Amino acid sequence: MADAKPRVEVEYCIRCRWLPRAAWLAQELLTTFENDLGAVALVPGTDGVFTVRVDDAVIWNRKDDGFPEPTAVKRRIRDIVAPGRSLGHSDAPA
């Protein structure tokens, strides 16, 4: 399907009990990009993983970048799925 909307995956560590953090981030993304995303999936993992992907591209990896603030993830996703779109207060400099 050429016009399929992007799929976001939030992979989180089940041993670390990071499901609430992953679910909160998924809610933030679904609220912000409700018309731009095809799905936001929560993917259970292990070994301290907390990774955000758009389709198959990793856009955030906790082991490299630390835990993400939602605004930082939103900016990276926006740059892929809706370049040029304003995120309002999320675009303000940190």
N, C-alpha and C. Protein backbone atom coordinates (compact mmCIF):
# COMPACT_ATOMS: atom_id res chain seq x y z
N MET A 1 0.83 -1.18 0.00
CA MET A 1 0.00 0.00 0.00
C MET A 1 0.87 1.24 0.00
N ALA A 2 0.79 2.02 -1.03
CA ALA A 2 1.64 3.20 -1.18
C ALA A 2 1.28 4.29 -0.19
N ASP A 3 -0.01 4.43 0.15
CA ASP A 3 -0.38 5.50 1.04
C ASP A 3 -0.67 5.02 2.47
N ALA A 4 -0.07 3.93 2.86
CA ALA A 4 -0.23 3.47 4.24
C ALA A 4 0.45 4.45 5.19
N LYS A 5 -0.20 4.69 6.31
CA LYS A 5 0.36 5.60 7.30
C LYS A 5 1.45 4.88 8.10
N PRO A 6 2.43 5.64 8.59
CA PRO A 6 3.54 5.04 9.34
C PRO A 6 3.06 4.36 10.63
N ARG A 7 3.80 3.34 11.01
CA ARG A 7 3.55 2.60 12.25
C ARG A 7 4.68 2.94 13.22
N VAL A 8 4.32 3.31 14.43
CA VAL A 8 5.29 3.59 15.48
C VAL A 8 5.28 2.42 16.45
N GLU A 9 6.46 1.99 16.86
CA GLU A 9 6.59 0.96 17.89
C GLU A 9 7.37 1.52 19.06
N VAL A 10 6.88 1.26 20.25
CA VAL A 10 7.60 1.60 21.47
C VAL A 10 7.93 0.27 22.14
N GLU A 11 9.19 -0.12 22.07
CA GLU A 11 9.62 -1.36 22.70
C GLU A 11 10.17 -1.03 24.08
N TYR A 12 9.67 -1.75 25.09
CA TYR A 12 10.01 -1.44 26.48
C TYR A 12 10.41 -2.72 27.21
N CYS A 13 11.18 -2.56 28.27
CA CYS A 13 11.65 -3.70 29.05
C CYS A 13 10.58 -4.11 30.07
N ILE A 14 10.15 -5.38 29.97
CA ILE A 14 9.15 -5.87 30.91
C ILE A 14 9.76 -6.12 32.29
N ARG A 15 11.02 -6.50 32.33
CA ARG A 15 11.68 -6.75 33.62
C ARG A 15 11.88 -5.47 34.41
N CYS A 16 12.07 -4.37 33.70
CA CYS A 16 12.27 -3.06 34.34
C CYS A 16 10.95 -2.40 34.70
N ARG A 17 9.84 -3.00 34.26
CA ARG A 17 8.50 -2.47 34.54
C ARG A 17 8.28 -1.10 33.88
N TRP A 18 8.69 -0.99 32.62
CA TRP A 18 8.57 0.28 31.91
C TRP A 18 7.31 0.39 31.06
N LEU A 19 6.36 -0.55 31.25
CA LEU A 19 5.10 -0.45 30.51
C LEU A 19 4.37 0.87 30.76
N PRO A 20 4.24 1.36 31.99
CA PRO A 20 3.53 2.63 32.17
C PRO A 20 4.18 3.79 31.40
N ARG A 21 5.48 3.83 31.39
CA ARG A 21 6.20 4.88 30.65
C ARG A 21 5.94 4.75 29.15
N ALA A 22 5.98 3.52 28.64
CA ALA A 22 5.74 3.28 27.21
C ALA A 22 4.30 3.62 26.84
N ALA A 23 3.35 3.25 27.70
CA ALA A 23 1.94 3.54 27.42
C ALA A 23 1.68 5.04 27.44
N TRP A 24 2.30 5.75 28.35
CA TRP A 24 2.15 7.20 28.42
C TRP A 24 2.69 7.85 27.15
N LEU A 25 3.87 7.40 26.69
CA LEU A 25 4.44 7.94 25.46
C LEU A 25 3.54 7.63 24.27
N ALA A 26 3.01 6.41 24.21
CA ALA A 26 2.10 6.03 23.12
C ALA A 26 0.87 6.93 23.12
N GLN A 27 0.32 7.22 24.28
CA GLN A 27 -0.84 8.11 24.38
C GLN A 27 -0.49 9.50 23.86
N GLU A 28 0.65 10.01 24.24
CA GLU A 28 1.09 11.33 23.77
C GLU A 28 1.20 11.35 22.24
N LEU A 29 1.77 10.30 21.67
CA LEU A 29 1.95 10.24 20.22
C LEU A 29 0.61 10.12 19.50
N LEU A 30 -0.29 9.30 20.02
CA LEU A 30 -1.61 9.14 19.40
C LEU A 30 -2.42 10.43 19.47
N THR A 31 -2.26 11.17 20.54
CA THR A 31 -2.97 12.44 20.68
C THR A 31 -2.42 13.48 19.71
N THR A 32 -1.12 13.55 19.59
CA THR A 32 -0.48 14.55 18.73
C THR A 32 -0.62 14.22 17.25
N PHE A 33 -0.48 12.95 16.91
CA PHE A 33 -0.45 12.55 15.49
C PHE A 33 -1.65 11.68 15.11
N GLU A 34 -2.81 11.99 15.64
CA GLU A 34 -3.98 11.13 15.44
C GLU A 34 -4.36 10.93 13.98
N ASN A 35 -4.05 11.87 13.11
CA ASN A 35 -4.37 11.73 11.69
C ASN A 35 -3.18 11.33 10.83
N ASP A 36 -1.99 11.25 11.44
CA ASP A 36 -0.77 11.00 10.68
C ASP A 36 -0.20 9.60 10.84
N LEU A 37 -0.64 8.88 11.85
CA LEU A 37 -0.07 7.55 12.13
C LEU A 37 -1.10 6.46 11.88
N GLY A 38 -0.62 5.34 11.39
CA GLY A 38 -1.49 4.19 11.18
C GLY A 38 -1.66 3.38 12.44
N ALA A 39 -0.62 3.36 13.29
CA ALA A 39 -0.67 2.59 14.53
C ALA A 39 0.46 3.01 15.45
N VAL A 40 0.22 2.84 16.74
CA VAL A 40 1.27 2.94 17.74
C VAL A 40 1.18 1.65 18.53
N ALA A 41 2.24 0.86 18.48
CA ALA A 41 2.25 -0.46 19.12
C ALA A 41 3.21 -0.48 20.30
N LEU A 42 2.82 -1.17 21.34
CA LEU A 42 3.69 -1.42 22.49
C LEU A 42 4.27 -2.81 22.32
N VAL A 43 5.59 -2.91 22.36
CA VAL A 43 6.28 -4.17 22.10
C VAL A 43 7.09 -4.56 23.34
N PRO A 44 6.71 -5.64 24.02
CA PRO A 44 7.47 -6.07 25.19
C PRO A 44 8.87 -6.55 24.81
N GLY A 45 9.85 -6.19 25.62
CA GLY A 45 11.23 -6.62 25.39
C GLY A 45 11.90 -6.86 26.74
N THR A 46 13.21 -7.07 26.70
CA THR A 46 13.99 -7.30 27.92
C THR A 46 15.31 -6.57 27.81
N ASP A 47 16.17 -6.78 28.79
CA ASP A 47 17.54 -6.24 28.81
C ASP A 47 17.60 -4.72 28.80
N GLY A 48 16.64 -4.07 29.46
CA GLY A 48 16.68 -2.62 29.60
C GLY A 48 16.35 -1.84 28.35
N VAL A 49 15.65 -2.47 27.42
CA VAL A 49 15.33 -1.81 26.16
C VAL A 49 14.23 -0.77 26.33
N PHE A 50 14.39 0.36 25.69
CA PHE A 50 13.33 1.35 25.50
C PHE A 50 13.66 2.04 24.19
N THR A 51 13.03 1.56 23.12
CA THR A 51 13.35 2.00 21.77
C THR A 51 12.07 2.43 21.07
N VAL A 52 12.16 3.54 20.33
CA VAL A 52 11.03 4.02 19.54
C VAL A 52 11.42 3.91 18.07
N ARG A 53 10.54 3.29 17.28
CA ARG A 53 10.77 3.13 15.85
C ARG A 53 9.60 3.71 15.06
N VAL A 54 9.92 4.28 13.90
CA VAL A 54 8.90 4.63 12.93
C VAL A 54 9.13 3.68 11.77
N ASP A 55 8.13 2.87 11.48
CA ASP A 55 8.28 1.74 10.57
C ASP A 55 9.47 0.93 11.09
N ASP A 56 10.54 0.76 10.35
CA ASP A 56 11.66 -0.02 10.87
C ASP A 56 12.84 0.84 11.31
N ALA A 57 12.71 2.14 11.21
CA ALA A 57 13.82 3.05 11.55
C ALA A 57 13.79 3.41 13.03
N VAL A 58 14.91 3.18 13.72
CA VAL A 58 15.02 3.56 15.13
C VAL A 58 15.19 5.07 15.20
N ILE A 59 14.29 5.72 15.95
CA ILE A 59 14.43 7.16 16.12
C ILE A 59 14.83 7.53 17.54
N TRP A 60 14.71 6.58 18.47
CA TRP A 60 15.16 6.83 19.85
C TRP A 60 15.55 5.51 20.47
N ASN A 61 16.73 5.49 21.10
CA ASN A 61 17.21 4.29 21.78
C ASN A 61 17.72 4.73 23.15
N ARG A 62 17.07 4.25 24.19
CA ARG A 62 17.44 4.65 25.55
C ARG A 62 18.91 4.42 25.85
N LYS A 63 19.48 3.35 25.33
CA LYS A 63 20.88 3.04 25.63
C LYS A 63 21.83 4.07 25.03
N ASP A 64 21.42 4.72 23.95
CA ASP A 64 22.24 5.77 23.33
C ASP A 64 21.84 7.17 23.76
N ASP A 65 20.53 7.39 23.91
CA ASP A 65 19.99 8.74 24.09
C ASP A 65 19.43 9.02 25.48
N GLY A 66 19.36 8.02 26.37
CA GLY A 66 18.69 8.20 27.65
C GLY A 66 17.18 8.10 27.47
N PHE A 67 16.44 8.31 28.55
CA PHE A 67 14.99 8.27 28.44
C PHE A 67 14.50 9.50 27.70
N PRO A 68 13.56 9.32 26.78
CA PRO A 68 13.10 10.46 25.99
C PRO A 68 12.06 11.31 26.71
N GLU A 69 12.14 12.58 26.49
CA GLU A 69 11.04 13.48 26.83
C GLU A 69 10.07 13.38 25.66
N PRO A 70 8.79 13.38 25.92
CA PRO A 70 7.83 13.26 24.81
C PRO A 70 8.03 14.31 23.71
N THR A 71 8.37 15.53 24.08
CA THR A 71 8.53 16.56 23.06
C THR A 71 9.67 16.23 22.09
N ALA A 72 10.75 15.64 22.59
CA ALA A 72 11.87 15.27 21.72
C ALA A 72 11.46 14.18 20.74
N VAL A 73 10.72 13.19 21.23
CA VAL A 73 10.24 12.11 20.35
C VAL A 73 9.25 12.67 19.34
N LYS A 74 8.36 13.54 19.78
CA LYS A 74 7.39 14.15 18.87
C LYS A 74 8.07 14.90 17.74
N ARG A 75 9.13 15.64 18.06
CA ARG A 75 9.86 16.36 17.01
C ARG A 75 10.45 15.40 15.99
N ARG A 76 11.06 14.32 16.47
CA ARG A 76 11.68 13.37 15.55
C ARG A 76 10.63 12.67 14.68
N ILE A 77 9.50 12.33 15.28
CA ILE A 77 8.44 11.69 14.50
C ILE A 77 7.84 12.68 13.51
N ARG A 78 7.60 13.90 13.95
CA ARG A 78 7.06 14.93 13.06
C ARG A 78 7.96 15.13 11.84
N ASP A 79 9.27 15.12 12.06
CA ASP A 79 10.21 15.32 10.95
C ASP A 79 10.11 14.21 9.91
N ILE A 80 9.60 13.05 10.30
CA ILE A 80 9.44 11.93 9.37
C ILE A 80 8.04 11.90 8.76
N VAL A 81 7.02 12.02 9.60
CA VAL A 81 5.65 11.80 9.11
C VAL A 81 4.94 13.07 8.65
N ALA A 82 5.35 14.23 9.14
CA ALA A 82 4.67 15.48 8.77
C ALA A 82 5.65 16.64 8.80
N PRO A 83 6.70 16.60 7.96
CA PRO A 83 7.70 17.66 7.98
C PRO A 83 7.06 19.03 7.77
N GLY A 84 7.56 20.01 8.49
CA GLY A 84 7.05 21.36 8.35
C GLY A 84 5.86 21.66 9.22
N ARG A 85 5.25 20.64 9.79
CA ARG A 85 4.09 20.85 10.66
C ARG A 85 4.54 21.44 11.99
N SER A 86 3.78 22.39 12.50
CA SER A 86 4.08 22.98 13.80
C SER A 86 3.58 22.06 14.91
N LEU A 87 4.37 21.96 15.96
CA LEU A 87 3.95 21.22 17.14
C LEU A 87 3.57 22.18 18.27
N GLY A 88 3.40 23.43 17.94
CA GLY A 88 3.02 24.41 18.95
C GLY A 88 4.08 24.57 20.00
N HIS A 89 3.68 24.46 21.28
CA HIS A 89 4.62 24.67 22.37
C HIS A 89 5.75 23.64 22.39
N SER A 90 5.55 22.48 21.76
CA SER A 90 6.61 21.46 21.71
C SER A 90 7.76 21.87 20.80
N ASP A 91 7.54 22.88 19.96
CA ASP A 91 8.61 23.37 19.09
C ASP A 91 9.47 24.44 19.76
N ALA A 92 9.05 24.91 20.92
CA ALA A 92 9.81 25.95 21.63
C ALA A 92 11.16 25.38 22.05
N PRO A 93 12.21 26.21 22.00
CA PRO A 93 13.53 25.74 22.43
C PRO A 93 13.51 25.27 23.87
N ALA A 94 14.28 24.24 24.15
CA ALA A 94 14.33 23.69 25.51
C ALA A 94 15.10 24.61 26.42
